[in-house]
Protein backbone atom coordinates (compact mmCIF):
# COMPACT_ATOMS: atom_id res chain seq x y z
CA PHE A 1 14.30 -3.13 -30.06
CA VAL A 2 13.33 -4.72 -26.77
CA VAL A 3 15.59 -7.04 -24.88
CA LEU A 4 13.59 -9.53 -22.80
CA LEU A 5 15.81 -10.50 -19.89
CA ASN A 6 13.62 -13.05 -18.07
CA VAL A 7 16.60 -14.33 -16.11
CA LYS A 8 16.05 -16.01 -12.76
CA MET A 9 18.91 -14.62 -10.72
CA GLY A 10 20.41 -16.13 -7.58
CA TRP A 11 21.14 -14.61 -4.21
CA PRO A 12 22.08 -10.92 -4.35
CA GLY A 13 25.04 -11.64 -2.08
CA VAL A 14 26.56 -9.64 0.77
CA THR A 15 29.55 -7.29 0.50
CA ASN A 16 31.43 -5.17 3.03
CA ASN A 17 28.51 -2.73 2.74
CA PRO A 18 26.24 -3.76 5.66
CA LEU A 19 23.15 -2.55 3.80
CA THR A 20 23.54 -5.36 1.26
CA ILE A 21 21.87 -7.68 3.76
CA PHE A 22 18.54 -6.05 2.90
CA PRO A 23 18.37 -7.08 -0.78
CA ASN A 24 18.81 -10.65 0.46
CA ILE A 25 15.82 -10.24 2.80
CA ALA A 26 13.80 -8.74 -0.06
CA TYR A 27 14.93 -11.61 -2.30
CA ILE A 28 13.28 -14.10 0.07
CA ALA A 29 10.17 -12.17 1.07
CA PHE A 30 8.87 -10.04 -1.78
CA PRO A 31 8.34 -12.75 -4.45
CA ILE A 32 5.86 -14.56 -2.16
CA LEU A 33 3.52 -11.61 -1.48
CA PRO A 34 -0.05 -13.00 -1.72
CA TYR A 35 -1.53 -10.92 -4.53
CA GLU A 36 -4.37 -13.44 -4.85
CA LEU A 37 -5.52 -12.31 -1.39
CA PHE A 38 -4.43 -8.69 -1.71
CA MET A 39 -6.80 -8.05 -4.61
CA TRP A 40 -9.82 -8.83 -2.42
CA LEU A 41 -8.69 -7.02 0.74
CA PRO A 42 -10.16 -3.53 0.08
CA ILE A 43 -13.40 -5.06 -1.20
CA VAL A 44 -13.87 -7.05 2.01
CA LEU A 45 -13.08 -3.97 4.09
CA ALA A 46 -15.53 -1.86 2.09
CA TYR A 47 -18.29 -4.43 2.71
CA TYR A 48 -17.79 -4.58 6.47
CA ALA A 49 -17.42 -0.80 6.71
CA GLU A 50 -21.01 -0.55 5.47
CA LYS A 51 -22.28 -3.66 7.26
CA PRO A 52 -20.27 -4.10 10.47
CA THR A 53 -20.99 -7.01 12.79
CA GLU A 54 -20.53 -7.61 16.50
CA LYS A 55 -17.05 -9.02 15.84
CA ILE A 56 -16.03 -6.92 12.84
CA THR A 57 -16.75 -3.41 14.09
CA LEU A 58 -15.65 -0.08 12.65
CA PRO A 59 -13.14 0.53 15.47
CA ARG A 60 -11.57 -2.84 14.69
CA LEU A 61 -11.48 -2.03 10.98
CA ILE A 62 -9.79 1.29 11.82
CA THR A 63 -7.24 -0.55 13.94
CA PHE A 64 -6.61 -3.10 11.18
CA ILE A 65 -6.06 -0.56 8.39
CA THR A 66 -3.84 1.55 10.67
CA TYR A 67 -1.59 -1.37 11.54
CA PHE A 68 -1.63 -2.66 7.95
CA GLY A 69 -0.53 0.76 6.70
CA GLY A 70 2.20 0.98 9.32
CA ILE A 71 3.54 -2.57 9.11
CA TYR A 72 3.18 -3.30 5.40
CA GLY A 73 3.45 0.22 4.05
CA GLY A 74 6.15 1.18 6.56
CA LEU A 75 8.23 -1.64 8.02
CA VAL A 76 8.10 -3.93 4.98
CA HIS A 77 8.97 -1.10 2.62
CA TYR A 78 11.78 0.03 4.92
CA VAL A 79 13.49 -3.21 3.88
CA ALA A 80 12.93 -2.20 0.26
CA LEU A 81 14.22 1.34 0.92
CA LEU A 82 17.37 0.03 2.61
CA SER A 83 17.79 -2.30 -0.37
CA VAL A 84 17.69 0.71 -2.68
CA LEU A 85 20.18 2.60 -0.51
CA SER A 86 22.56 -0.37 -0.58
CA GLY A 87 23.10 0.24 -4.28
CA ILE A 88 23.26 4.06 -4.32
CA PRO A 89 24.32 5.84 -6.50
CA HIS A 90 23.39 3.07 -8.95
CA LEU A 91 19.83 2.08 -9.93
CA ASP A 92 20.32 -0.95 -12.15
CA GLU A 93 20.04 -4.73 -12.21
CA ASP A 94 23.46 -5.15 -10.62
CA HIS A 95 22.83 -2.98 -7.56
CA GLY A 96 20.29 -2.46 -4.77
CA ILE A 97 16.68 -3.58 -4.92
CA CYS A 98 17.01 -4.87 -8.48
CA THR A 99 19.38 -7.61 -7.38
CA ALA A 100 16.40 -8.98 -5.42
CA LEU A 101 13.70 -8.22 -7.99
CA PRO A 102 15.52 -8.29 -11.35
CA PRO A 103 14.09 -6.27 -14.28
CA PRO A 104 11.94 -8.29 -16.73
CA THR A 105 13.08 -6.10 -19.67
CA ASP A 106 15.60 -3.38 -20.32
CA GLY A 107 12.95 -0.74 -19.59
CA PRO A 108 12.89 1.71 -16.63
CA TRP A 109 12.12 -1.06 -14.16
CA CYS A 110 14.58 -0.15 -11.40
CA GLU A 111 13.71 3.55 -11.49
CA LEU A 112 9.94 2.95 -11.28
CA LEU A 113 10.34 0.26 -8.63
CA THR A 114 12.34 2.77 -6.59
CA MET A 115 9.60 5.38 -7.08
CA HIS A 116 7.06 2.87 -5.76
CA ILE A 117 9.16 2.45 -2.63
CA LEU A 118 9.70 6.20 -2.16
CA LEU A 119 5.94 6.79 -2.30
CA ALA A 120 5.06 3.91 0.02
CA VAL A 121 7.56 4.71 2.79
CA PRO A 122 6.25 8.19 3.81
CA MET A 123 2.70 6.85 3.94
CA GLY A 124 3.80 3.87 6.03
CA THR A 125 5.83 6.13 8.32
CA TYR A 126 2.76 8.29 8.92
CA PHE A 127 0.80 5.22 10.03
CA LEU A 128 3.61 4.07 12.30
CA TYR A 129 3.39 7.47 13.97
CA VAL A 130 -0.41 7.13 14.27
CA MET A 131 0.07 3.67 15.80
CA TYR A 132 2.45 5.13 18.38
CA VAL A 133 0.15 8.04 19.29
CA GLU A 134 -2.97 5.91 19.54
CA LYS A 135 -1.18 3.19 21.49
CA LYS A 136 -0.46 5.81 24.16
CA LYS A 137 -4.11 6.95 24.14
CA TYR A 138 -6.01 3.68 23.77
CA GLY A 139 -3.48 0.86 24.16
CA TRP A 140 -2.37 -1.72 21.60
CA LEU A 141 -4.86 -2.84 18.94
CA SER A 142 -7.54 -0.44 20.09
CA TRP A 143 -9.29 2.69 18.82
CA GLU A 144 -11.85 4.83 20.66
CA GLY A 145 -11.99 8.08 18.70
CA ASP A 146 -14.86 10.03 17.13
CA ASN A 147 -16.26 10.00 13.57
CA GLU A 148 -15.62 6.32 12.96
CA LYS A 149 -16.54 6.31 9.27
CA VAL A 150 -14.45 9.38 8.46
CA ALA A 151 -11.48 7.85 10.26
CA PHE A 152 -11.79 4.48 8.53
CA PHE A 153 -12.45 5.71 5.02
CA PHE A 154 -9.69 8.34 5.13
CA ARG A 155 -7.09 5.89 6.43
CA ALA A 156 -8.12 3.15 4.02
CA GLY A 157 -8.15 5.66 1.16
CA LEU A 158 -4.65 6.88 1.98
CA VAL A 159 -3.24 3.34 2.26
CA PHE A 160 -4.79 1.85 -0.87
CA THR A 161 -4.47 4.88 -3.14
CA THR A 162 -0.79 5.28 -2.31
CA LEU A 163 0.10 1.61 -2.63
CA GLY A 164 -2.17 1.14 -5.65
CA ILE A 165 -0.76 3.90 -7.86
CA SER A 166 2.83 3.34 -6.77
CA GLY A 167 2.52 -0.42 -7.23
CA GLU A 168 1.31 0.04 -10.80
CA LEU A 169 4.25 2.26 -11.78
CA PRO A 170 6.58 -0.62 -12.75
CA TYR A 171 3.74 -2.05 -14.84
CA PHE A 172 3.28 1.24 -16.69
CA GLY A 173 6.97 1.17 -17.55
CA GLN A 174 6.63 -2.35 -18.93
CA PHE A 175 3.52 -1.42 -20.92
CA ALA A 176 5.46 1.41 -22.55
CA LYS A 177 8.24 -1.03 -23.43
CA VAL A 178 6.54 -4.24 -24.49
CA GLY A 179 2.79 -3.54 -24.50
CA GLY A 180 0.59 -6.58 -23.95
CA ASP A 181 3.62 -8.85 -23.63
CA THR A 182 3.93 -7.44 -20.11
CA PHE A 183 1.63 -10.22 -18.93
CA ASP A 184 3.66 -13.04 -20.45
CA GLY A 185 5.37 -15.36 -17.99
CA THR A 186 4.79 -15.70 -14.26
CA GLY A 187 4.49 -12.05 -13.27
CA VAL A 188 6.30 -8.74 -13.40
CA TYR A 189 7.25 -8.49 -9.74
CA ALA A 190 8.11 -12.14 -9.23
CA GLY A 191 8.61 -13.50 -12.76
CA THR A 192 12.40 -13.11 -12.74
CA THR A 193 12.92 -14.31 -9.17
CA TRP A 194 13.31 -17.73 -7.57
CA ALA A 195 9.53 -18.07 -7.09
CA ASP A 196 8.08 -20.46 -9.67
CA TRP A 197 4.59 -19.04 -10.01
CA TYR A 198 1.95 -20.06 -12.55
CA GLU A 199 1.70 -18.67 -16.06
CA GLY A 200 -0.33 -15.45 -16.22
CA ARG A 201 0.20 -14.38 -12.60
CA GLY A 202 1.10 -10.95 -13.94
CA TYR A 203 -2.60 -10.36 -14.50
CA ILE A 204 -3.23 -11.03 -10.80
CA GLU A 205 -0.45 -8.65 -9.72
CA PHE A 206 -1.81 -5.91 -11.99
CA ILE A 207 -5.46 -6.42 -10.98
CA SER A 208 -4.45 -6.46 -7.31
CA TYR A 209 -2.83 -3.03 -7.49
CA MET A 210 -5.64 -1.69 -9.66
CA SER A 211 -8.16 -2.95 -7.09
CA TRP A 212 -6.22 -1.08 -4.40
CA LEU A 213 -6.11 2.12 -6.46
CA LEU A 214 -9.79 2.17 -7.42
CA CYS A 215 -10.98 1.17 -3.95
CA GLY A 216 -8.62 3.74 -2.44
CA LEU A 217 -10.22 6.51 -4.47
CA TYR A 218 -13.65 5.22 -3.45
CA PHE A 219 -12.62 5.28 0.22
CA LEU A 220 -11.38 8.88 -0.06
CA ALA A 221 -14.66 9.93 -1.67
CA LYS A 222 -16.59 8.25 1.15
CA ALA A 223 -14.40 9.98 3.74
CA ALA A 224 -15.17 13.36 2.17
CA TYR A 225 -18.88 12.55 2.08
CA HIS A 226 -19.06 11.48 5.73
CA LYS A 227 -16.95 14.42 6.86
CA LYS A 228 -19.32 16.82 5.11
CA ALA A 229 -22.32 15.04 6.64
CA ALA A 230 -20.75 15.27 10.10
CA HIS A 231 -20.22 19.03 9.66
CA MET A 232 -23.85 19.47 8.59
CA VAL A 233 -25.11 17.58 11.65
CA SER A 234 -22.81 19.59 13.90
CA GLY A 235 -24.08 22.82 12.37
CA MET A 236 -27.70 21.80 12.87
CA ASP A 237 -27.03 20.88 16.50
CA SER A 238 -25.37 24.25 17.06
CA CYS A 239 -28.37 26.08 15.59
CA SER A 240 -30.74 24.05 17.76
CA GLU A 241 -28.77 24.95 20.89
CA LYS A 242 -28.82 28.66 19.98
CA ASN A 243 -32.57 28.56 19.32
CA ALA A 244 -33.16 26.78 22.62
CA ALA A 245 -31.10 29.39 24.47
CA GLY A 246 -33.10 32.15 22.76
CA ASP A 247 -36.37 30.59 23.81
CA VAL A 248 -35.18 30.47 27.46
CA ASN A 249 -34.15 34.13 27.37
CA MET A 250 -37.53 35.08 26.05
């Protein structure tokens, strides 16, 4: 027996626990994430990675995905993590992150939403560290390293695979609970919040995260391919140098 909650809850509220400010921030921000744009983001990046222009170069794509991973994957999800911690030891609709994004059913929503956050935060933290290191080397919003394609495809693969699979987790929980009815209403992530989205937006949320996951796997495969190609070229250059040195000695 499935209980469909579908309740639009109000402000999470603030208690004497200072961390309860963060569910209120999440309550405002997370329901308005632009999934309609998100679903196209990795596709656009994949296109320009293969066909860069004078303005959209690979170094600029590397900078973009690095900052996107650090800011969205890290800083934004820090708000979500602090929202989770505000409700510890409870993981339910009355505590923590689920006061900002209420569960659409009585399934394992809060647990899987928390898992999404716990997967996103380490990835985002890694990119914040990369931003810090590369800012010291190249300055803000700049990248001047080697193996541009390996760098871009690996970073894009890490960002989109992590956020794609973790973002789908709450959907998988809903599928197990209500099947195709998961897509009823105005979304899984935002359908029980203050945001009055259009009917069927759940499809867009789901496709967005699936786009990220599939493109992320594609990016990782491309990174492996270009890394192998770079090693082969390096090996051939090394052999050429040795042969040239042998010819001189002769």
